[in-house]
Amino acid sequence: MLGLAVAVAFSMVMALLSWPAAHPWVLALILVAAVGAGWLWLRRRQEAARWEQVRAQGLRYAVEHLDSLRHDDFESAYET
């Protein structure tokens, strides 16, 4: 009984390994999709970092100076 289970498992593994060899375009398609997704993820991270830098440059005052501002002076802390 154990021999039959091993034979079935071996047969399934061989089938799983031979299918991509018979259909290489599927692996190529998966590779292209993964590269595209990685590129898109990297671009979005770069864009988010750039927007964070722009937002941080929009502050006129340092954090220490912001702490000392009165309640009606906060409007002038951002550039228009």
N, C-alpha and C. Protein backbone atom coordinates (compact mmCIF):
# COMPACT_ATOMS: atom_id res chain seq x y z
N MET A 1 0.82 -1.20 0.00
CA MET A 1 0.00 0.00 0.00
C MET A 1 0.86 1.25 0.00
N LEU A 2 1.95 1.24 0.78
CA LEU A 2 2.86 2.38 0.82
C LEU A 2 3.55 2.57 -0.53
N GLY A 3 3.87 1.46 -1.18
CA GLY A 3 4.49 1.53 -2.50
C GLY A 3 3.58 2.20 -3.52
N LEU A 4 2.30 1.94 -3.43
CA LEU A 4 1.33 2.56 -4.33
C LEU A 4 1.26 4.06 -4.08
N ALA A 5 1.26 4.48 -2.82
CA ALA A 5 1.22 5.90 -2.47
C ALA A 5 2.48 6.61 -2.98
N VAL A 6 3.63 5.98 -2.84
CA VAL A 6 4.87 6.56 -3.34
C VAL A 6 4.84 6.67 -4.85
N ALA A 7 4.34 5.66 -5.51
CA ALA A 7 4.26 5.68 -6.97
C ALA A 7 3.32 6.78 -7.46
N VAL A 8 2.19 6.94 -6.78
CA VAL A 8 1.25 8.00 -7.16
C VAL A 8 1.86 9.37 -6.91
N ALA A 9 2.53 9.54 -5.77
CA ALA A 9 3.17 10.82 -5.46
C ALA A 9 4.26 11.13 -6.48
N PHE A 10 5.08 10.14 -6.82
CA PHE A 10 6.13 10.33 -7.81
C PHE A 10 5.53 10.69 -9.17
N SER A 11 4.46 10.02 -9.52
CA SER A 11 3.80 10.30 -10.79
C SER A 11 3.25 11.73 -10.83
N MET A 12 2.68 12.18 -9.74
CA MET A 12 2.14 13.54 -9.69
C MET A 12 3.26 14.58 -9.77
N VAL A 13 4.36 14.33 -9.08
CA VAL A 13 5.50 15.25 -9.13
C VAL A 13 6.04 15.32 -10.55
N MET A 14 6.17 14.19 -11.20
CA MET A 14 6.69 14.18 -12.57
C MET A 14 5.73 14.90 -13.52
N ALA A 15 4.44 14.75 -13.31
CA ALA A 15 3.47 15.45 -14.15
C ALA A 15 3.56 16.96 -13.93
N LEU A 16 3.73 17.36 -12.68
CA LEU A 16 3.85 18.79 -12.39
C LEU A 16 5.13 19.37 -12.98
N LEU A 17 6.19 18.59 -13.03
CA LEU A 17 7.44 19.08 -13.59
C LEU A 17 7.46 19.03 -15.12
N SER A 18 6.74 18.10 -15.71
CA SER A 18 6.76 18.00 -17.17
C SER A 18 5.80 18.99 -17.83
N TRP A 19 4.78 19.42 -17.12
CA TRP A 19 3.82 20.36 -17.72
C TRP A 19 4.49 21.69 -18.07
N PRO A 20 5.27 22.32 -17.18
CA PRO A 20 5.94 23.57 -17.59
C PRO A 20 6.94 23.36 -18.72
N ALA A 21 7.55 22.20 -18.80
CA ALA A 21 8.47 21.93 -19.90
C ALA A 21 7.73 21.88 -21.23
N ALA A 22 6.50 21.41 -21.20
CA ALA A 22 5.69 21.35 -22.42
C ALA A 22 5.03 22.69 -22.75
N HIS A 23 4.92 23.58 -21.77
CA HIS A 23 4.26 24.88 -21.96
C HIS A 23 5.17 26.00 -21.45
N PRO A 24 6.29 26.26 -22.11
CA PRO A 24 7.23 27.28 -21.60
C PRO A 24 6.67 28.70 -21.67
N TRP A 25 5.67 28.93 -22.52
CA TRP A 25 5.10 30.26 -22.63
C TRP A 25 4.39 30.67 -21.34
N VAL A 26 3.90 29.71 -20.58
CA VAL A 26 3.24 30.04 -19.32
C VAL A 26 4.26 30.58 -18.33
N LEU A 27 5.42 29.94 -18.26
CA LEU A 27 6.48 30.43 -17.37
C LEU A 27 6.97 31.81 -17.80
N ALA A 28 7.08 32.01 -19.12
CA ALA A 28 7.50 33.32 -19.62
C ALA A 28 6.46 34.39 -19.27
N LEU A 29 5.20 34.04 -19.39
CA LEU A 29 4.14 34.98 -19.05
C LEU A 29 4.15 35.32 -17.56
N ILE A 30 4.35 34.33 -16.73
CA ILE A 30 4.43 34.57 -15.29
C ILE A 30 5.63 35.44 -14.96
N LEU A 31 6.76 35.19 -15.62
CA LEU A 31 7.96 35.99 -15.40
C LEU A 31 7.74 37.44 -15.82
N VAL A 32 7.13 37.66 -16.97
CA VAL A 32 6.86 39.02 -17.44
C VAL A 32 5.90 39.73 -16.49
N ALA A 33 4.88 39.04 -16.01
CA ALA A 33 3.94 39.64 -15.07
C ALA A 33 4.63 39.99 -13.75
N ALA A 34 5.51 39.14 -13.28
CA ALA A 34 6.22 39.41 -12.02
C ALA A 34 7.16 40.60 -12.17
N VAL A 35 7.86 40.68 -13.29
CA VAL A 35 8.75 41.82 -13.53
C VAL A 35 7.94 43.10 -13.64
N GLY A 36 6.82 43.05 -14.33
CA GLY A 36 5.96 44.23 -14.46
C GLY A 36 5.40 44.68 -13.11
N ALA A 37 4.98 43.73 -12.30
CA ALA A 37 4.46 44.08 -10.98
C ALA A 37 5.56 44.66 -10.10
N GLY A 38 6.76 44.12 -10.19
CA GLY A 38 7.88 44.66 -9.42
C GLY A 38 8.25 46.06 -9.86
N TRP A 39 8.24 46.29 -11.17
CA TRP A 39 8.54 47.62 -11.69
C TRP A 39 7.48 48.63 -11.24
N LEU A 40 6.21 48.23 -11.31
CA LEU A 40 5.13 49.11 -10.89
C LEU A 40 5.23 49.42 -9.40
N TRP A 41 5.53 48.42 -8.58
CA TRP A 41 5.68 48.63 -7.14
C TRP A 41 6.83 49.61 -6.86
N LEU A 42 7.95 49.45 -7.57
CA LEU A 42 9.10 50.32 -7.37
C LEU A 42 8.77 51.75 -7.78
N ARG A 43 8.10 51.91 -8.90
CA ARG A 43 7.71 53.26 -9.35
C ARG A 43 6.78 53.94 -8.35
N ARG A 44 5.83 53.20 -7.81
CA ARG A 44 4.90 53.79 -6.83
C ARG A 44 5.62 54.19 -5.56
N ARG A 45 6.60 53.38 -5.14
CA ARG A 45 7.39 53.75 -3.95
C ARG A 45 8.20 55.01 -4.20
N GLN A 46 8.80 55.11 -5.39
CA GLN A 46 9.58 56.29 -5.73
C GLN A 46 8.69 57.53 -5.79
N GLU A 47 7.50 57.39 -6.36
CA GLU A 47 6.58 58.51 -6.45
C GLU A 47 6.11 58.95 -5.07
N ALA A 48 5.83 57.99 -4.20
CA ALA A 48 5.42 58.34 -2.84
C ALA A 48 6.55 59.05 -2.09
N ALA A 49 7.78 58.59 -2.29
CA ALA A 49 8.92 59.25 -1.65
C ALA A 49 9.10 60.67 -2.18
N ARG A 50 8.90 60.82 -3.47
CA ARG A 50 9.03 62.16 -4.07
C ARG A 50 7.96 63.11 -3.53
N TRP A 51 6.71 62.62 -3.42
CA TRP A 51 5.65 63.47 -2.88
C TRP A 51 5.89 63.79 -1.41
N GLU A 52 6.44 62.87 -0.67
CA GLU A 52 6.77 63.14 0.73
C GLU A 52 7.85 64.20 0.82
N GLN A 53 8.82 64.17 -0.09
CA GLN A 53 9.87 65.17 -0.10
C GLN A 53 9.29 66.54 -0.45
N VAL A 54 8.39 66.59 -1.42
CA VAL A 54 7.75 67.85 -1.79
C VAL A 54 6.94 68.40 -0.63
N ARG A 55 6.21 67.52 0.05
CA ARG A 55 5.41 67.96 1.18
C ARG A 55 6.29 68.49 2.30
N ALA A 56 7.40 67.80 2.56
CA ALA A 56 8.30 68.23 3.62
C ALA A 56 8.97 69.56 3.28
N GLN A 57 9.24 69.80 2.00
CA GLN A 57 9.85 71.07 1.60
C GLN A 57 8.84 72.21 1.67
N GLY A 58 7.56 71.87 1.70
CA GLY A 58 6.53 72.91 1.78
C GLY A 58 6.46 73.58 3.13
N LEU A 59 7.03 72.99 4.15
CA LEU A 59 7.03 73.62 5.46
C LEU A 59 8.04 74.75 5.50
N ARG A 60 7.64 75.88 6.02
CA ARG A 60 8.55 77.02 6.12
C ARG A 60 9.38 76.96 7.39
N TYR A 61 8.86 76.34 8.41
CA TYR A 61 9.51 76.40 9.71
C TYR A 61 9.96 75.01 10.15
N ALA A 62 10.97 74.98 11.00
CA ALA A 62 11.41 73.73 11.60
C ALA A 62 10.40 73.32 12.67
N VAL A 63 10.45 72.09 13.07
CA VAL A 63 9.51 71.58 14.07
C VAL A 63 9.62 72.36 15.37
N GLU A 64 10.83 72.72 15.76
CA GLU A 64 11.02 73.48 16.99
C GLU A 64 10.33 74.84 16.91
N HIS A 65 10.39 75.44 15.73
CA HIS A 65 9.74 76.74 15.56
C HIS A 65 8.22 76.59 15.54
N LEU A 66 7.74 75.51 14.96
CA LEU A 66 6.29 75.28 14.94
C LEU A 66 5.74 75.14 16.36
N ASP A 67 6.54 74.55 17.24
CA ASP A 67 6.09 74.39 18.62
C ASP A 67 5.88 75.73 19.31
N SER A 68 6.62 76.74 18.89
CA SER A 68 6.52 78.03 19.56
C SER A 68 5.51 78.97 18.93
N LEU A 69 4.86 78.55 17.84
CA LEU A 69 3.90 79.42 17.17
C LEU A 69 2.61 79.57 17.97
N ARG A 70 1.98 80.73 17.82
CA ARG A 70 0.66 80.94 18.41
C ARG A 70 -0.38 80.26 17.54
N HIS A 71 -1.58 80.15 18.05
CA HIS A 71 -2.63 79.41 17.33
C HIS A 71 -2.99 80.03 16.00
N ASP A 72 -2.88 81.35 15.84
CA ASP A 72 -3.26 81.97 14.57
C ASP A 72 -2.08 82.12 13.60
N ASP A 73 -0.89 81.67 13.97
CA ASP A 73 0.28 81.75 13.09
C ASP A 73 0.51 80.49 12.27
N PHE A 74 -0.27 79.47 12.49
CA PHE A 74 -0.04 78.20 11.78
C PHE A 74 -0.34 78.31 10.29
N GLU A 75 -1.20 79.23 9.90
CA GLU A 75 -1.52 79.36 8.48
C GLU A 75 -0.31 79.81 7.68
N SER A 76 0.59 80.54 8.28
CA SER A 76 1.77 81.02 7.55
C SER A 76 2.90 79.99 7.56
N ALA A 77 2.68 78.84 8.18
CA ALA A 77 3.73 77.82 8.24
C ALA A 77 3.87 77.08 6.92
N TYR A 78 2.88 77.13 6.07
CA TYR A 78 2.93 76.46 4.76
C TYR A 78 3.04 77.50 3.66
N GLU A 79 3.84 77.19 2.67
CA GLU A 79 3.96 78.08 1.52
C GLU A 79 2.69 77.98 0.68
N THR A 80 2.33 79.04 0.04
CA THR A 80 1.16 79.01 -0.83
C THR A 80 1.56 78.88 -2.26
